[in-house]
C-alpha cells in the first residue's frame, strides 16, 4: 500500500515542488491550499499518482477540522505531514507595522501549523507512526531589521518543532524542521503586496534556492530508514552567509 503524504500550501512554491518530488517517489498525496484551480492542475500533472484535494485556509480551525474529517478511507492514514503553508506580509519597523499583517503571519505560520497538526495527530498517535516536517526559515533562527513579526512567527515554528518532537517521542512520531534561506518563490511578491518589481530585486545578483532544492531535502528526510530522523536542516544558497548577508556579485 502506498504511503500517504499530506502537504499544506501545495498550490505553489515549496509545497507544490514537494508534491511533485514525493509523487515521483511513490507516495499518494493529499494536497491542500486555498486556490482550487491550481490544486486541480497539479493533480492532473501528477497523474496517475492518487491525489486527493482539500481546499481550505489553515487559519480557519473549523475548516481544517472539517477537511481532515472528510478524507476518504484510502487517504485517512497519513504517514507524512508537511506543514508548509505560511506567509510574510510587509517589511517595516515594529512601530510602523500593520496589525492586520501581524495577524496574517501569526495565524498562518503558527496557529495554522497547530490546527493542521492537531487534526492529524489522533490518527498518527493511534497507529504509533508518523513523520511531521515543519517548514521554518532562517528568519526563525536569527532576527533581522524590519522582519520582527515574521521572524517571531518562524521562531515559534522552531520552538514548536522541538516541543512537538519531545511530546511525540513516546508515540514513535518523528518531527523535523527545514529552515530555508533565500528561495525564489511567490514569497517576496506576497510580502510586498503584489509589487513584482520590488520582489524580483530580492533575487537579483546571485542564484537563490529554488523550490525544488527544498523539496529535494524534504524528500531525503522522509525516505530515511525508520530509525533515522533528520531533525533539523538549515538550507542556504551558496551566496548566502546569514539572514541578510548575501554576496551579490
Protein backbone atom coordinates (compact mmCIF):
# COMPACT_ATOMS: atom_id res chain seq x y z
CA UNK A 1 0.00 0.00 0.00
CA UNK A 2 1.27 3.47 -0.89
CA UNK A 3 2.31 5.81 1.87
CA UNK A 4 0.26 8.99 2.17
CA UNK A 5 1.75 12.48 2.39
CA UNK A 6 -0.40 15.46 3.42
CA UNK A 7 1.04 18.77 2.13
CA UNK A 8 -0.31 22.20 3.07
CA UNK A 9 0.20 25.18 0.78
CA UNK A 10 0.63 22.86 -2.21
CA UNK A 11 -0.69 25.25 -4.84
CA UNK A 12 2.70 26.91 -5.38
CA UNK A 13 6.33 27.15 -4.35
CA UNK A 14 7.86 24.67 -1.92
CA UNK A 15 4.58 22.86 -1.32
CA UNK A 16 4.00 22.25 -4.99
CA UNK A 17 7.58 21.13 -5.60
CA UNK A 18 7.34 18.77 -2.63
CA UNK A 19 4.20 17.20 -4.03
CA UNK A 20 5.98 16.55 -7.33
CA UNK A 21 9.02 15.06 -5.60
CA UNK A 22 7.03 12.76 -3.32
CA UNK A 23 4.74 11.62 -6.13
CA UNK A 24 7.80 10.53 -8.11
CA UNK A 25 8.92 8.57 -5.04
CA UNK A 26 5.68 6.59 -4.88
CA UNK A 27 3.65 8.49 -2.29
CA UNK A 28 -0.03 9.14 -2.73
CA UNK A 29 -0.94 12.68 -1.82
CA UNK A 30 -3.38 14.91 -0.03
CA UNK A 31 -2.69 18.38 -1.41
CA UNK A 32 -4.23 21.39 0.27
CA UNK A 33 -4.45 25.13 -0.28
CA UNK A 34 -6.82 27.97 -0.96
CA UNK A 35 -6.58 28.03 -4.78
CA UNK A 36 -8.67 25.12 -6.03
CA UNK A 37 -7.81 25.65 -9.71
CA UNK A 38 -4.09 25.39 -9.06
CA UNK A 39 -4.57 22.26 -6.98
CA UNK A 40 -6.64 20.70 -9.77
CA UNK A 41 -3.90 21.50 -12.28
CA UNK A 42 -1.29 19.92 -10.00
CA UNK A 43 -3.39 16.79 -9.52
CA UNK A 44 -3.71 16.41 -13.28
CA UNK A 45 0.03 16.89 -13.70
CA UNK A 46 0.75 14.19 -11.12
CA UNK A 47 -1.49 11.55 -12.71
CA UNK A 48 -1.57 8.57 -12.33
CA UNK A 49 -0.49 9.24 -8.71
CA UNK A 50 -3.54 9.02 -6.43
CA UNK A 51 -4.27 12.58 -5.26
CA UNK A 52 -6.99 13.96 -3.02
CA UNK A 53 -7.59 17.72 -2.95
CA UNK A 54 -8.69 19.68 0.11
CA UNK A 55 -9.40 23.40 -0.24
CA UNK A 56 -9.21 25.40 2.98
CA UNK A 57 -7.33 28.17 4.77
CA UNK A 58 -5.10 26.82 7.56
CA UNK A 59 -6.06 29.85 9.68
CA UNK A 60 -9.66 28.62 9.88
CA UNK A 61 -9.68 25.92 12.57
CA UNK A 62 -13.21 24.73 11.83
CA UNK A 63 -12.40 24.43 8.12
CA UNK A 64 -9.21 22.48 8.89
CA UNK A 65 -11.06 20.05 11.15
CA UNK A 66 -13.90 19.57 8.65
CA UNK A 67 -11.49 19.00 5.77
CA UNK A 68 -9.47 16.37 7.63
CA UNK A 69 -12.68 14.66 8.78
CA UNK A 70 -13.81 14.44 5.14
CA UNK A 71 -10.80 12.42 3.97
CA UNK A 72 -11.76 9.26 2.09
CA UNK A 73 -10.81 5.98 3.73
CA UNK A 74 -7.85 5.41 1.40
CA UNK A 75 -6.28 8.72 2.44
CA UNK A 76 -7.00 8.76 6.17
CA UNK A 77 -3.80 7.06 7.35
CA UNK A 78 -1.38 9.97 6.86
CA UNK A 79 2.26 8.88 7.11
CA UNK A 80 3.90 12.24 6.40
CA UNK A 81 2.63 15.74 7.16
CA UNK A 82 4.46 18.66 5.54
CA UNK A 83 3.40 21.87 7.31
CA UNK A 84 4.39 24.22 4.51
CA UNK A 85 1.57 26.79 4.36
CA UNK A 86 2.68 30.18 5.59
CA UNK A 87 3.22 33.78 4.60
CA UNK A 88 5.14 37.00 5.10
CA UNK A 89 3.38 40.35 4.91
CA UNK A 90 5.15 43.68 4.96
CA UNK A 91 8.69 44.69 5.83
CA UNK A 92 8.53 47.58 8.28
CA UNK A 93 9.97 48.56 11.65
CA UNK A 94 7.82 47.38 14.52
CA UNK A 95 6.43 50.87 15.25
CA UNK A 96 5.10 51.15 11.69
CA UNK A 97 3.84 47.58 11.34
CA UNK A 98 0.28 46.81 10.25
CA UNK A 99 -1.63 44.76 12.84
CA UNK A 100 -3.56 43.06 10.03
CA UNK A 101 -0.24 41.85 8.61
CA UNK A 102 0.76 40.59 12.07
CA UNK A 103 -2.48 38.62 12.32
CA UNK A 104 -1.97 37.07 8.89
CA UNK A 105 1.54 35.90 9.76
CA UNK A 106 0.86 34.65 13.28
CA UNK A 107 -2.42 32.98 12.32
CA UNK A 108 -0.97 31.31 9.23
CA UNK A 109 2.57 30.46 10.26
CA UNK A 110 1.90 29.43 13.86
CA UNK A 111 -1.75 28.72 14.54
CA UNK A 112 -2.31 27.16 11.11
CA UNK A 113 0.53 24.72 11.72
CA UNK A 114 -1.00 23.84 15.08
CA UNK A 115 -4.51 23.38 13.70
CA UNK A 116 -3.42 21.00 10.92
CA UNK A 117 -1.09 19.04 13.18
CA UNK A 118 -3.77 18.70 15.86
CA UNK A 119 -6.30 17.43 13.31
CA UNK A 120 -3.97 14.71 12.03
CA UNK A 121 -2.24 13.66 15.24
CA UNK A 122 -5.02 11.42 16.61
CA UNK A 123 -4.54 9.06 13.68
CA UNK A 124 -0.76 9.12 13.96
CA UNK A 125 -0.79 8.51 17.71
CA UNK A 126 -3.30 5.68 17.34
CA UNK A 127 -1.04 3.97 14.80
CA UNK A 128 2.12 4.90 16.74
CA UNK A 129 3.60 6.07 13.46
CA UNK A 130 4.08 9.31 11.58
CA UNK A 131 6.52 11.94 10.37
CA UNK A 132 5.93 15.69 10.58
CA UNK A 133 8.08 18.16 8.64
CA UNK A 134 7.64 21.82 9.59
CA UNK A 135 8.87 24.44 7.14
CA UNK A 136 10.64 27.10 9.16
CA UNK A 137 13.10 29.71 7.95
CA UNK A 138 16.50 31.16 8.65
CA UNK A 139 14.38 34.07 9.93
CA UNK A 140 13.35 31.86 12.83
CA UNK A 141 16.98 31.40 13.83
CA UNK A 142 18.19 35.00 13.53
CA UNK A 143 16.09 38.16 13.52
CA UNK A 144 16.76 40.95 11.05
CA UNK A 145 15.76 44.58 10.71
CA UNK A 146 12.09 45.09 9.82
CA UNK A 147 11.42 41.34 9.93
CA UNK A 148 10.17 41.47 13.54
CA UNK A 149 6.82 39.62 13.48
CA UNK A 150 7.71 37.31 10.59
CA UNK A 151 10.90 36.34 12.41
CA UNK A 152 8.90 35.83 15.60
CA UNK A 153 6.43 33.57 13.80
CA UNK A 154 9.21 31.39 12.42
CA UNK A 155 10.99 31.36 15.79
CA UNK A 156 7.73 29.97 17.14
CA UNK A 157 7.83 27.24 14.48
CA UNK A 158 11.37 26.42 15.59
CA UNK A 159 10.32 26.14 19.23
CA UNK A 160 7.17 24.22 18.39
CA UNK A 161 9.14 21.70 16.36
CA UNK A 162 11.35 20.97 19.34
CA UNK A 163 8.38 20.76 21.70
CA UNK A 164 6.44 18.51 19.33
CA UNK A 165 9.43 16.20 18.94
CA UNK A 166 9.68 15.82 22.72
CA UNK A 167 5.96 15.32 23.29
CA UNK A 168 5.53 12.85 20.42
CA UNK A 169 8.64 10.80 21.15
CA UNK A 170 6.71 8.17 23.17
CA UNK A 171 4.26 7.91 20.26
CA UNK A 172 7.05 6.97 17.80
CA UNK A 173 6.28 10.04 15.67
CA UNK A 174 9.24 11.80 14.10
CA UNK A 175 9.19 15.62 13.99
CA UNK A 176 11.67 17.66 11.99
CA UNK A 177 12.22 21.10 10.51
CA UNK A 178 13.65 22.58 7.32
CA UNK A 179 14.89 26.17 7.57
CA UNK A 180 15.47 27.62 4.09
CA UNK A 181 17.28 30.83 3.36
CA UNK A 182 16.52 32.82 0.21
CA UNK A 183 14.20 30.80 -2.04
CA UNK A 184 12.79 32.30 -5.23
CA UNK A 185 9.04 31.67 -4.98
CA UNK A 186 5.95 33.88 -4.66
CA UNK A 187 7.13 34.66 -1.11
CA UNK A 188 8.52 38.15 -1.79
CA UNK A 189 5.64 39.11 -4.07
CA UNK A 190 3.23 38.33 -1.24
CA UNK A 191 5.41 40.17 1.29
CA UNK A 192 5.47 43.25 -0.92
CA UNK A 193 1.72 43.01 -1.64
CA UNK A 194 1.97 42.27 -5.36
CA UNK A 195 4.87 44.61 -6.18
CA UNK A 196 6.57 42.19 -8.57
CA UNK A 197 9.35 44.62 -9.48
CA UNK A 198 10.39 45.04 -5.85
CA UNK A 199 10.07 41.30 -5.29
CA UNK A 200 12.30 40.49 -8.27
CA UNK A 201 15.09 42.67 -6.88
CA UNK A 202 15.36 40.39 -3.85
CA UNK A 203 16.75 37.64 -6.08
CA UNK A 204 18.94 39.70 -8.44
CA UNK A 205 22.73 39.43 -8.48
CA UNK A 206 23.04 35.86 -7.16
CA UNK A 207 21.48 32.43 -7.59
CA UNK A 208 18.84 31.81 -4.92
CA UNK A 209 17.47 28.44 -3.92
CA UNK A 210 14.67 27.04 -6.00
CA UNK A 211 11.59 25.40 -4.53
CA UNK A 212 12.86 22.12 -5.95
CA UNK A 213 16.01 22.39 -3.84
CA UNK A 214 13.95 22.46 -0.66
CA UNK A 215 11.72 19.67 -1.94
CA UNK A 216 14.80 17.50 -2.54
CA UNK A 217 15.77 17.88 1.12
CA UNK A 218 12.25 17.07 2.31
CA UNK A 219 12.23 14.00 0.08
CA UNK A 220 15.55 12.89 1.59
CA UNK A 221 14.25 13.38 5.12
CA UNK A 222 11.06 11.36 4.66
CA UNK A 223 12.76 8.49 2.85
CA UNK A 224 15.34 7.72 5.56
CA UNK A 225 15.07 4.38 7.42
CA UNK A 226 12.53 4.32 10.27
CA UNK A 227 15.26 4.62 12.93
CA UNK A 228 16.66 7.85 11.40
CA UNK A 229 15.27 11.35 11.97
CA UNK A 230 16.99 14.22 10.17
CA UNK A 231 15.68 16.56 12.81
CA UNK A 232 16.81 20.00 11.61
CA UNK A 233 18.22 21.35 8.36
CA UNK A 234 19.44 24.87 7.53
CA UNK A 235 19.45 25.18 3.74
CA UNK A 236 21.07 28.21 2.11
CA UNK A 237 22.07 29.22 -1.39
CA UNK A 238 25.84 29.24 -1.73
CA UNK A 239 25.77 33.05 -1.93
CA UNK A 240 24.10 33.46 1.47
CA UNK A 241 26.02 33.56 4.72
CA UNK A 242 23.34 34.81 7.12
CA UNK A 243 19.76 36.04 7.04
CA UNK A 244 20.66 39.38 5.49
CA UNK A 245 24.17 38.64 4.23
CA UNK A 246 24.09 37.72 0.55
CA UNK A 247 27.03 38.04 -1.80
CA UNK A 248 25.69 39.77 -4.90
CA UNK A 249 28.50 39.96 -7.39
